Amino acid sequence: MKPFITSTQLISYADFVELPRTQYVLIDARGGTGAFGRYLNGHLKGAYFADLETDLAAEVSDASRGGRHPLPSQRDFAAFLGSLAITPETYVIVYDDKSGANAAARFWWMLAMSGHKRISVLDGGMEEAVKKGALLNKDLPEEPEEETDAYPLGDWSIHTIGIDKVEKAILDAKSLIIDVREAYRYLGESEPIDLIAGHIPGAKNIPYLENLSKGIFLSRADLLIKYGPIVENFTAENIIIHCGSGVTACHTILAMAEAGLPVPKLYVGSWGEWSRNDKPVLP
């Protein structure tokens, strides 16, 4: 199933504050140690909490099988959406505390690749909202009056690729692998998280932070100028995006979608999985 991709992948804070509160469900997506505590300490008014570690990823028993942030089962994610009364008709807006570069992009990917038609990331995230005058709130939002049935998700697996196919893509001239980690990690100068430093042979490094300028996404036109020439000779089926754990890679997929480009494959296991399986590594 082709994901629903329009020009509404991002919403500016200025446009967000003009929306009537009844027209959307707001999600605060965060990850890392103490994420819920940070949410309790301050969030945009009315935002429900989505935890990267538990709501947007499965429990990790072995990072060599699926990486450090494997996708949850679609049944569990569908139940989570239903608990917030999110239906296929709901307009969902999601933000995080990393300028939209972390769990918000992951939430966007999971919902958009499941076929949801109305999902936007708040451009600049909580930081931009505060900069523009938003007051953070410590009150928990009211629980939905009535939970809905589990959301009828489409199959997001058709937009992912596994480790064995990534290895074959290394030798395939028709394939393009993009590594969105910071350059120092790609170059193997240092590896703060995973066991081995370096990168997948043949992968092109385009750090995801280059999608932003002062915490805001580049314009649609600039994103097209940035990615268009790089991907123009490849089909979406043969473009693979990865990061360290399958989260910030979604940020680059979001940027490409915002530019109007075909949606590439996400290698969910990413470097966390690759580096734990005796696969070829450069440099």
Protein backbone atom coordinates (compact mmCIF):
# COMPACT_ATOMS: atom_id res chain seq x y z
CA MET A 1 0.00 0.00 0.00
CA LYS A 2 1.34 3.41 -0.93
CA PRO A 3 1.52 5.78 2.06
CA PHE A 4 -0.53 8.94 1.92
CA ILE A 5 1.99 11.73 1.42
CA THR A 6 0.90 15.33 0.87
CA SER A 7 2.40 18.76 1.45
CA THR A 8 1.12 18.70 5.05
CA GLN A 9 3.93 16.69 6.63
CA LEU A 10 4.94 19.77 8.64
CA ILE A 11 2.93 22.46 10.38
CA SER A 12 4.43 25.73 11.57
CA TYR A 13 3.74 26.94 15.08
CA ALA A 14 1.99 30.01 13.64
CA ASP A 15 -0.46 27.79 11.75
CA PHE A 16 -0.81 25.41 14.69
CA VAL A 17 -2.02 28.09 17.11
CA GLU A 18 -4.70 29.18 14.64
CA LEU A 19 -6.37 25.75 14.67
CA PRO A 20 -9.42 25.22 16.86
CA ARG A 21 -8.45 22.82 19.64
CA THR A 22 -11.25 20.43 18.71
CA GLN A 23 -9.80 19.82 15.24
CA TYR A 24 -6.74 17.77 16.18
CA VAL A 25 -5.16 15.39 18.66
CA LEU A 26 -1.79 16.60 19.94
CA ILE A 27 0.98 14.12 20.76
CA ASP A 28 4.13 14.82 22.76
CA ALA A 29 6.62 12.16 21.64
CA ARG A 30 9.82 11.84 23.59
CA GLY A 31 12.44 9.22 24.31
CA GLY A 32 15.36 8.47 26.55
CA THR A 33 15.75 8.18 30.29
CA GLY A 34 13.21 10.25 32.18
CA ALA A 35 11.09 11.08 29.14
CA PHE A 36 7.81 10.92 31.02
CA GLY A 37 9.21 13.03 33.83
CA ARG A 38 10.25 15.69 31.33
CA TYR A 39 6.75 15.59 29.87
CA LEU A 40 5.20 16.01 33.33
CA ASN A 41 7.53 18.91 33.99
CA GLY A 42 6.23 20.79 30.97
CA HIS A 43 4.41 20.12 27.72
CA LEU A 44 2.15 21.93 25.27
CA LYS A 45 -1.36 22.17 26.65
CA GLY A 46 -3.56 19.21 25.84
CA ALA A 47 -0.76 16.99 24.54
CA TYR A 48 -0.93 13.26 25.19
CA PHE A 49 2.34 11.47 25.88
CA ALA A 50 3.91 8.89 23.56
CA ASP A 51 7.08 7.25 24.82
CA LEU A 52 9.62 6.31 22.17
CA GLU A 53 10.88 3.44 24.31
CA THR A 54 7.53 1.78 25.00
CA ASP A 55 4.85 3.14 22.64
CA LEU A 56 6.93 3.62 19.48
CA ALA A 57 9.36 0.72 19.89
CA ALA A 58 9.33 -2.85 21.10
CA GLU A 59 11.29 -4.05 24.11
CA VAL A 60 14.86 -4.88 23.12
CA SER A 61 16.03 -8.33 24.12
CA ASP A 62 18.88 -8.57 21.60
CA ALA A 63 19.96 -5.52 19.57
CA SER A 64 21.59 -7.81 17.01
CA ARG A 65 18.07 -8.81 15.98
CA GLY A 66 16.18 -5.69 15.04
CA GLY A 67 18.45 -3.03 16.50
CA ARG A 68 18.08 -0.75 19.51
CA HIS A 69 14.61 0.58 18.65
CA PRO A 70 12.75 -2.21 16.81
CA LEU A 71 9.24 -1.39 15.73
CA PRO A 72 6.45 -2.52 18.06
CA SER A 73 3.86 -4.91 16.78
CA GLN A 74 1.24 -3.17 14.72
CA ARG A 75 -1.38 -4.65 17.03
CA ASP A 76 0.17 -2.87 20.03
CA PHE A 77 0.50 0.42 18.15
CA ALA A 78 -3.08 0.16 16.91
CA ALA A 79 -4.27 -0.38 20.48
CA PHE A 80 -2.28 2.66 21.64
CA LEU A 81 -3.90 4.82 18.97
CA GLY A 82 -7.31 3.48 19.93
CA SER A 83 -6.67 4.39 23.58
CA LEU A 84 -6.36 8.02 22.44
CA ALA A 85 -9.52 7.76 20.31
CA ILE A 86 -7.47 8.29 17.15
CA THR A 87 -9.36 7.11 14.07
CA PRO A 88 -8.49 7.27 10.35
CA GLU A 89 -10.30 10.63 10.22
CA THR A 90 -8.37 12.23 13.10
CA TYR A 91 -5.92 15.03 12.38
CA VAL A 92 -2.84 14.20 14.45
CA ILE A 93 -0.10 16.70 15.25
CA VAL A 94 3.05 15.43 16.92
CA TYR A 95 6.09 17.16 18.39
CA ASP A 96 9.11 16.28 20.52
CA ASP A 97 11.79 18.08 22.50
CA LYS A 98 14.47 17.63 19.83
CA SER A 99 13.21 20.13 17.23
CA GLY A 100 11.05 17.38 15.75
CA ALA A 101 14.18 15.44 14.86
CA ASN A 102 13.65 12.43 17.06
CA ALA A 103 10.55 10.58 18.23
CA ALA A 104 8.11 12.94 16.49
CA ALA A 105 9.51 11.87 13.13
CA ARG A 106 9.30 8.22 14.20
CA PHE A 107 5.63 8.64 15.19
CA TRP A 108 4.96 10.39 11.85
CA TRP A 109 6.60 7.51 9.97
CA MET A 110 4.64 4.83 11.82
CA LEU A 111 1.30 6.51 11.22
CA ALA A 112 1.92 7.74 7.66
CA MET A 113 3.36 4.41 6.50
CA SER A 114 0.26 2.73 7.93
CA GLY A 115 -1.87 4.79 5.57
CA HIS A 116 -3.06 7.58 7.89
CA LYS A 117 -4.03 10.60 5.83
CA ARG A 118 -3.75 13.44 8.34
CA ILE A 119 -0.52 13.58 10.32
CA SER A 120 1.81 16.56 10.73
CA VAL A 121 4.99 17.19 12.70
CA LEU A 122 5.14 20.52 14.51
CA ASP A 123 8.06 22.22 12.80
CA GLY A 124 10.74 23.12 15.32
CA GLY A 125 9.10 21.08 18.05
CA MET A 126 8.62 22.26 21.60
CA GLU A 127 11.68 24.51 21.37
CA GLU A 128 10.17 26.58 18.59
CA ALA A 129 6.82 26.76 20.35
CA VAL A 130 8.44 28.11 23.52
CA LYS A 131 10.51 30.55 21.50
CA LYS A 132 7.29 31.85 19.96
CA GLY A 133 5.67 32.34 23.35
CA ALA A 134 3.99 29.05 24.19
CA LEU A 135 3.59 28.42 27.91
CA LEU A 136 4.38 24.89 29.00
CA ASN A 137 1.71 23.09 30.97
CA LYS A 138 2.02 20.52 33.75
CA ASP A 139 -1.61 19.42 33.76
CA LEU A 140 -2.44 16.06 32.23
CA PRO A 141 -4.96 16.23 29.38
CA GLU A 142 -8.41 14.84 29.90
CA GLU A 143 -8.74 11.20 28.95
CA PRO A 144 -10.74 10.63 25.76
CA GLU A 145 -14.41 10.28 26.59
CA GLU A 146 -14.53 6.95 24.83
CA GLU A 147 -11.72 4.83 23.49
CA THR A 148 -12.13 3.59 19.94
CA ASP A 149 -11.43 0.17 18.57
CA ALA A 150 -7.83 -0.58 17.66
CA TYR A 151 -6.83 1.54 14.69
CA PRO A 152 -7.06 -0.37 11.35
CA LEU A 153 -3.43 0.00 10.33
CA GLY A 154 -2.04 -0.81 6.91
CA ASP A 155 1.14 -2.87 6.59
CA TRP A 156 4.15 -0.64 7.26
CA SER A 157 6.57 -3.53 6.68
CA ILE A 158 6.44 -2.92 2.93
CA HIS A 159 8.25 0.36 3.62
CA THR A 160 11.08 -1.32 5.55
CA ILE A 161 14.06 -3.43 4.58
CA GLY A 162 15.94 -6.12 6.49
CA ILE A 163 19.62 -6.62 7.13
CA ASP A 164 20.14 -9.33 4.50
CA LYS A 165 18.70 -7.19 1.72
CA VAL A 166 20.79 -4.24 2.86
CA GLU A 167 23.88 -6.39 2.53
CA LYS A 168 22.90 -7.31 -1.02
CA ALA A 169 22.32 -3.64 -1.81
CA ILE A 170 25.99 -2.87 -1.12
CA LEU A 171 26.91 -4.59 -4.39
CA ASP A 172 23.90 -3.34 -6.36
CA ALA A 173 24.61 -0.27 -8.49
CA LYS A 174 20.88 0.38 -8.65
CA SER A 175 20.67 0.80 -4.87
CA LEU A 176 21.45 3.84 -2.73
CA ILE A 177 22.14 3.62 1.01
CA ILE A 178 21.99 6.85 3.01
CA ASP A 179 23.44 7.02 6.52
CA VAL A 180 21.97 10.00 8.41
CA ARG A 181 24.20 9.85 11.49
CA GLU A 182 26.62 12.65 12.34
CA ALA A 183 29.76 12.65 10.19
CA TYR A 184 32.12 11.70 13.02
CA ARG A 185 30.18 8.50 13.61
CA TYR A 186 29.98 7.69 9.91
CA LEU A 187 33.74 8.24 9.57
CA GLY A 188 34.44 5.99 12.52
CA GLU A 189 36.19 8.72 14.48
CA SER A 190 34.12 7.90 17.55
CA GLU A 191 31.12 5.73 18.41
CA PRO A 192 29.29 6.82 21.58
CA ILE A 193 26.50 4.25 21.49
CA ASP A 194 27.15 1.13 19.44
CA LEU A 195 29.93 -1.44 19.71
CA ILE A 196 31.80 -0.72 16.48
CA ALA A 197 32.63 2.57 14.78
CA GLY A 198 32.34 3.09 11.03
CA HIS A 199 29.70 2.72 8.35
CA ILE A 200 28.12 0.34 5.87
CA PRO A 201 30.33 0.11 2.77
CA GLY A 202 29.01 2.27 -0.05
CA ALA A 203 26.66 4.26 2.18
CA LYS A 204 26.45 7.99 1.52
CA ASN A 205 26.52 10.20 4.60
CA ILE A 206 23.89 12.96 4.78
CA PRO A 207 23.48 13.89 8.47
CA TYR A 208 19.84 14.37 9.40
CA LEU A 209 20.64 17.65 11.16
CA GLU A 210 21.32 19.13 7.73
CA ASN A 211 17.54 19.00 7.17
CA LEU A 212 17.25 21.84 9.68
CA SER A 213 18.28 25.47 9.91
CA LYS A 214 18.18 26.85 13.45
CA GLY A 215 15.89 23.99 14.45
CA ILE A 216 13.40 24.52 11.60
CA PHE A 217 13.11 22.33 8.52
CA LEU A 218 14.51 23.75 5.32
CA SER A 219 11.84 24.94 2.91
CA ARG A 220 10.22 22.42 0.61
CA ALA A 221 12.11 23.93 -2.33
CA ASP A 222 15.45 23.72 -0.53
CA LEU A 223 14.81 20.12 0.53
CA LEU A 224 14.08 19.25 -3.08
CA ILE A 225 17.31 20.94 -4.18
CA LYS A 226 19.17 19.03 -1.47
CA TYR A 227 17.81 15.53 -2.13
CA GLY A 228 16.51 15.63 -5.70
CA PRO A 229 19.88 15.27 -7.47
CA ILE A 230 21.00 12.57 -5.02
CA VAL A 231 18.02 10.27 -5.53
CA GLU A 232 16.98 11.09 -9.10
CA ASN A 233 18.64 8.02 -10.62
CA PHE A 234 17.16 5.58 -8.10
CA THR A 235 13.69 4.19 -7.53
CA ALA A 236 12.17 4.54 -4.08
CA GLU A 237 12.28 0.76 -3.71
CA ASN A 238 16.07 0.90 -3.99
CA ILE A 239 16.75 3.83 -1.66
CA ILE A 240 17.59 2.78 1.91
CA ILE A 241 17.74 5.19 4.84
CA HIS A 242 19.33 4.28 8.16
CA CYS A 243 20.74 5.86 11.30
CA GLY A 244 21.87 4.40 14.59
CA SER A 245 18.62 2.85 15.77
CA GLY A 246 15.93 3.54 13.17
CA VAL A 247 14.62 6.76 14.73
CA THR A 248 16.40 9.79 13.24
CA ALA A 249 16.35 8.05 9.86
CA CYS A 250 12.63 8.85 9.92
CA HIS A 251 13.55 12.54 10.05
CA THR A 252 15.23 12.29 6.65
CA ILE A 253 12.34 10.27 5.24
CA LEU A 254 10.04 13.04 6.48
CA ALA A 255 12.24 15.64 4.80
CA MET A 256 12.14 13.75 1.51
CA ALA A 257 8.37 13.35 1.74
CA GLU A 258 8.01 17.07 2.46
CA ALA A 259 10.06 17.73 -0.68
CA GLY A 260 7.55 15.69 -2.67
CA LEU A 261 10.00 12.88 -3.37
CA PRO A 262 9.06 9.17 -3.34
CA VAL A 263 9.26 7.56 0.09
CA PRO A 264 12.35 5.34 0.49
CA LYS A 265 12.84 2.22 2.60
CA LEU A 266 13.65 2.43 6.30
CA TYR A 267 16.29 0.06 7.62
CA VAL A 268 14.86 -0.19 11.11
CA GLY A 269 17.74 -2.19 12.60
CA SER A 270 20.20 0.43 11.36
CA TRP A 271 23.78 0.62 12.63
CA GLY A 272 22.80 -0.83 15.99
CA GLU A 273 21.90 -4.12 14.31
CA TRP A 274 24.46 -4.02 11.49
CA SER A 275 27.42 -3.48 13.83
CA ARG A 276 26.49 -6.49 15.93
CA ASN A 277 26.35 -9.05 13.11
CA ASP A 278 29.91 -9.31 11.73
CA LYS A 279 28.86 -7.44 8.61
CA PRO A 280 31.40 -5.51 6.51
CA VAL A 281 32.33 -2.16 8.01
CA LEU A 282 34.25 0.87 6.73
CA PRO A 283 36.51 2.72 7.25
